Amino acid sequence: MEHWKKYHSLTLRPEAFSAGIVVEGPVEPDRLRSLVMHRTLDMFRKPKEQLEALIEIAGLPEGRIIIARDGDVIIGYVTFHYPDPIERWSEGNMPDLVECGAVEVADDFRSIGLGKAMLRLAYEDEQLENVITFATEYYWHWDLEKSGLSVWEYRAMMEKLMKSVDMVWFATDDPEICSHPANCLMVRIGKRVPLSSVEQFDRIRFQQRFMY
């Protein structure tokens, strides 16, 4: 299937920052190579290593990288890609199932709406209406220490963020998600996704059904 990508950008001017912050994407690998990562973007790996991961994802047919930058410094990013082969979500080999894999914003730029702006830009011009996008929210990926939020407060924040692009909570019997009550599965079904794909996704979500 075709993964249509159309570049968009916008400039935010939060009161606390004199210079504009550019939100843009999907960003090409060569453009990413010309930028540097903010030193506090280290939630998943070291900043330099994370930049290499973003470059790799950007080069994938289905891969999308949306960034927020202050000049030539990446201060936030969102990734979209096929699910990891070792996870349940890849078992159906669905070409129209894409994971919103990571959302990260540098420490000094939090709470000014960058996460929401990056997510919304990813869906501009109905680019993802032919796919199911999902996000697996695991509490062990959340920056509870720096945020000062409780597990449930952070969960509410992430759920609100995902709802800004019409992702909603979906039930599942996936063991990792079920391992803690704060974990959740957020899903958005594009309006051009066929019923057959929705049904296949349902079979992936639930694999422990009993027959009566």
Protein backbone atom coordinates (compact mmCIF):
# COMPACT_ATOMS: atom_id res chain seq x y z
CA MET A 1 0.00 0.00 0.00
CA GLU A 2 1.03 3.62 -0.43
CA HIS A 3 2.21 5.57 2.59
CA TRP A 4 1.54 9.09 1.44
CA LYS A 5 3.77 11.72 2.98
CA LYS A 6 3.32 15.46 2.55
CA TYR A 7 5.60 17.91 4.30
CA HIS A 8 4.03 20.56 6.53
CA SER A 9 5.47 23.13 8.92
CA LEU A 10 4.28 25.75 11.36
CA THR A 11 5.92 28.22 13.72
CA LEU A 12 4.91 28.48 17.36
CA ARG A 13 5.73 31.56 19.42
CA PRO A 14 5.22 30.71 23.10
CA GLU A 15 5.48 33.68 25.46
CA ALA A 16 8.45 32.24 27.35
CA PHE A 17 10.56 31.94 24.18
CA SER A 18 11.51 34.97 22.11
CA ALA A 19 12.44 32.98 18.99
CA GLY A 20 9.88 30.93 17.11
CA ILE A 21 9.80 27.14 17.44
CA VAL A 22 9.36 25.31 14.15
CA VAL A 23 7.23 22.16 14.04
CA GLU A 24 7.68 20.24 10.80
CA GLY A 25 7.50 16.90 9.06
CA PRO A 26 7.59 14.28 7.85
CA VAL A 27 11.31 15.11 7.84
CA GLU A 28 13.68 13.41 5.39
CA PRO A 29 16.82 11.59 6.59
CA ASP A 30 19.21 14.12 5.02
CA ARG A 31 17.48 16.98 6.81
CA LEU A 32 17.78 15.17 10.13
CA ARG A 33 21.50 14.64 9.53
CA SER A 34 21.94 18.43 9.42
CA LEU A 35 20.43 18.87 12.90
CA VAL A 36 21.48 18.03 16.45
CA MET A 37 19.46 16.64 19.34
CA HIS A 38 18.84 18.59 22.53
CA ARG A 39 20.95 17.14 25.33
CA THR A 40 17.90 16.24 27.46
CA LEU A 41 16.24 14.07 24.79
CA ASP A 42 17.55 10.95 26.47
CA MET A 43 14.45 9.05 27.58
CA PHE A 44 15.03 6.08 25.27
CA ARG A 45 18.76 6.31 24.46
CA LYS A 46 21.56 8.86 24.34
CA PRO A 47 20.71 11.90 22.17
CA LYS A 48 23.21 11.11 19.41
CA GLU A 49 22.03 7.50 19.24
CA GLN A 50 18.41 8.62 19.23
CA LEU A 51 19.11 10.90 16.28
CA GLU A 52 20.52 7.93 14.37
CA ALA A 53 17.34 6.00 15.17
CA LEU A 54 15.21 8.87 13.84
CA ILE A 55 17.24 8.98 10.63
CA GLU A 56 16.71 5.25 10.14
CA ILE A 57 12.94 5.49 10.73
CA ALA A 58 12.63 8.47 8.38
CA GLY A 59 14.08 6.34 5.59
CA LEU A 60 11.47 3.58 5.94
CA PRO A 61 8.57 3.51 3.44
CA GLU A 62 6.05 3.82 6.27
CA GLY A 63 8.31 5.81 8.60
CA ARG A 64 7.43 9.35 9.64
CA ILE A 65 9.39 11.70 11.86
CA ILE A 66 7.76 14.90 13.04
CA ILE A 67 10.06 17.29 14.91
CA ALA A 68 10.01 20.52 16.85
CA ARG A 69 13.22 22.51 16.59
CA ASP A 70 14.79 25.63 18.02
CA GLY A 71 17.09 26.72 15.21
CA ASP A 72 19.13 23.63 14.32
CA VAL A 73 18.43 21.87 17.61
CA ILE A 74 15.72 19.22 17.76
CA ILE A 75 13.74 19.83 20.95
CA GLY A 76 10.97 17.31 20.37
CA TYR A 77 9.94 14.50 18.07
CA VAL A 78 7.20 12.00 17.29
CA THR A 79 7.83 8.73 15.45
CA PHE A 80 5.53 6.60 13.28
CA HIS A 81 6.58 3.19 11.98
CA TYR A 82 5.49 -0.42 11.72
CA PRO A 83 5.36 -2.28 15.05
CA ASP A 84 8.46 -4.10 16.28
CA PRO A 85 8.65 -7.68 14.91
CA ILE A 86 8.94 -9.07 18.46
CA GLU A 87 5.64 -7.50 19.56
CA ARG A 88 2.13 -8.89 19.20
CA TRP A 89 1.08 -6.00 16.97
CA SER A 90 3.26 -7.20 14.10
CA GLU A 91 1.79 -10.71 14.02
CA GLY A 92 -0.83 -9.95 11.38
CA ASN A 93 1.73 -8.38 9.00
CA MET A 94 -0.80 -5.63 8.41
CA PRO A 95 0.42 -3.03 5.90
CA ASP A 96 -2.13 -0.54 7.26
CA LEU A 97 -1.24 -0.81 10.95
CA VAL A 98 1.27 1.84 12.07
CA GLU A 99 2.57 2.55 15.55
CA CYS A 100 2.99 6.00 17.05
CA GLY A 101 6.14 4.81 18.73
CA ALA A 102 7.58 7.69 20.75
CA VAL A 103 6.73 11.23 21.77
CA GLU A 104 9.49 13.13 23.54
CA VAL A 105 10.02 16.81 24.35
CA ALA A 106 13.18 18.37 25.83
CA ASP A 107 12.94 19.36 29.49
CA ASP A 108 13.02 23.14 29.02
CA PHE A 109 10.28 23.07 26.36
CA ARG A 110 7.60 21.04 28.11
CA SER A 111 4.09 22.26 28.92
CA ILE A 112 3.89 24.62 25.94
CA GLY A 113 1.92 22.33 23.66
CA LEU A 114 4.69 20.88 21.49
CA GLY A 115 3.51 17.29 21.81
CA LYS A 116 0.01 18.18 20.65
CA ALA A 117 1.33 20.38 17.83
CA MET A 118 3.59 17.62 16.49
CA LEU A 119 0.86 14.99 16.61
CA ARG A 120 -1.68 17.21 14.89
CA LEU A 121 0.78 18.10 12.15
CA ALA A 122 1.31 14.38 11.44
CA TYR A 123 -2.36 14.06 10.49
CA GLU A 124 -2.53 17.13 8.23
CA ASP A 125 -4.18 16.62 4.82
CA GLU A 126 -5.59 13.26 5.90
CA GLN A 127 -2.19 11.62 5.47
CA LEU A 128 -2.99 8.78 7.88
CA GLU A 129 -6.62 8.14 7.03
CA ASN A 130 -5.77 4.87 5.24
CA VAL A 131 -4.12 3.30 8.31
CA ILE A 132 -4.86 2.31 11.87
CA THR A 133 -2.47 4.16 14.15
CA PHE A 134 -1.93 2.97 17.69
CA ALA A 135 0.18 3.84 20.71
CA THR A 136 1.07 1.52 23.57
CA GLU A 137 1.37 3.58 26.73
CA TYR A 138 3.58 1.87 29.33
CA TYR A 139 4.14 3.59 32.66
CA TRP A 140 7.82 2.56 32.69
CA HIS A 141 8.41 4.83 29.67
CA TRP A 142 7.00 7.88 31.46
CA ASP A 143 9.24 10.54 32.98
CA LEU A 144 7.57 10.51 36.39
CA GLU A 145 10.62 11.85 38.22
CA LYS A 146 11.13 15.04 36.20
CA SER A 147 7.43 15.71 35.70
CA GLY A 148 6.55 15.34 39.37
CA LEU A 149 3.32 13.62 38.33
CA SER A 150 1.88 10.45 39.77
CA VAL A 151 1.38 7.43 37.53
CA TRP A 152 -2.32 8.24 37.17
CA GLU A 153 -1.73 11.93 36.50
CA TYR A 154 0.78 11.05 33.79
CA ARG A 155 -1.62 8.50 32.32
CA ALA A 156 -4.34 11.17 32.15
CA MET A 157 -1.92 13.58 30.46
CA MET A 158 -0.91 11.03 27.81
CA GLU A 159 -4.50 10.01 27.18
CA LYS A 160 -5.46 13.68 26.71
CA LEU A 161 -2.54 14.13 24.30
CA MET A 162 -3.56 11.15 22.18
CA LYS A 163 -7.21 12.24 22.19
CA SER A 164 -6.10 15.51 20.56
CA VAL A 165 -5.78 13.52 17.30
CA ASP A 166 -8.87 11.39 17.98
CA MET A 167 -7.07 8.38 19.40
CA VAL A 168 -9.28 6.55 21.87
CA TRP A 169 -8.76 3.87 24.51
CA PHE A 170 -9.12 0.29 23.19
CA ALA A 171 -9.30 -2.84 25.33
CA THR A 172 -6.81 -5.66 24.80
CA ASP A 173 -5.54 -8.79 26.52
CA ASP A 174 -1.92 -8.05 25.60
CA PRO A 175 0.16 -9.22 28.61
CA GLU A 176 2.45 -6.18 28.69
CA ILE A 177 -0.42 -3.72 28.70
CA CYS A 178 -2.36 -5.81 31.23
CA SER A 179 0.67 -6.01 33.53
CA HIS A 180 -0.20 -2.64 35.13
CA PRO A 181 -3.58 -0.85 35.30
CA ALA A 182 -2.06 2.47 34.19
CA ASN A 183 -0.85 1.00 30.90
CA CYS A 184 -3.21 1.45 27.97
CA LEU A 185 -3.70 1.02 24.25
CA MET A 186 -4.73 4.13 22.29
CA VAL A 187 -6.01 3.71 18.73
CA ARG A 188 -7.17 5.81 15.80
CA ILE A 189 -8.87 4.11 12.87
CA GLY A 190 -8.56 6.17 9.70
CA LYS A 191 -11.76 6.78 7.78
CA ARG A 192 -10.46 4.94 4.70
CA VAL A 193 -9.45 1.78 6.57
CA PRO A 194 -11.44 -1.25 5.32
CA LEU A 195 -13.59 -3.28 7.70
CA SER A 196 -11.40 -6.34 7.04
CA SER A 197 -8.41 -4.53 8.57
CA VAL A 198 -10.43 -3.44 11.60
CA GLU A 199 -11.52 -7.05 12.15
CA GLN A 200 -7.95 -8.30 11.77
CA PHE A 201 -6.76 -5.75 14.31
CA ASP A 202 -9.47 -6.93 16.71
CA ARG A 203 -8.14 -10.48 16.41
CA ILE A 204 -4.66 -9.21 17.28
CA ARG A 205 -5.97 -7.25 20.27
CA PHE A 206 -7.68 -10.27 21.76
CA GLN A 207 -5.98 -13.67 21.60
CA GLN A 208 -7.33 -15.27 24.80
CA ARG A 209 -11.00 -15.56 23.90
CA PHE A 210 -12.91 -18.56 25.18
CA MET A 211 -15.58 -20.41 23.25
CA TYR A 212 -18.84 -21.20 25.03
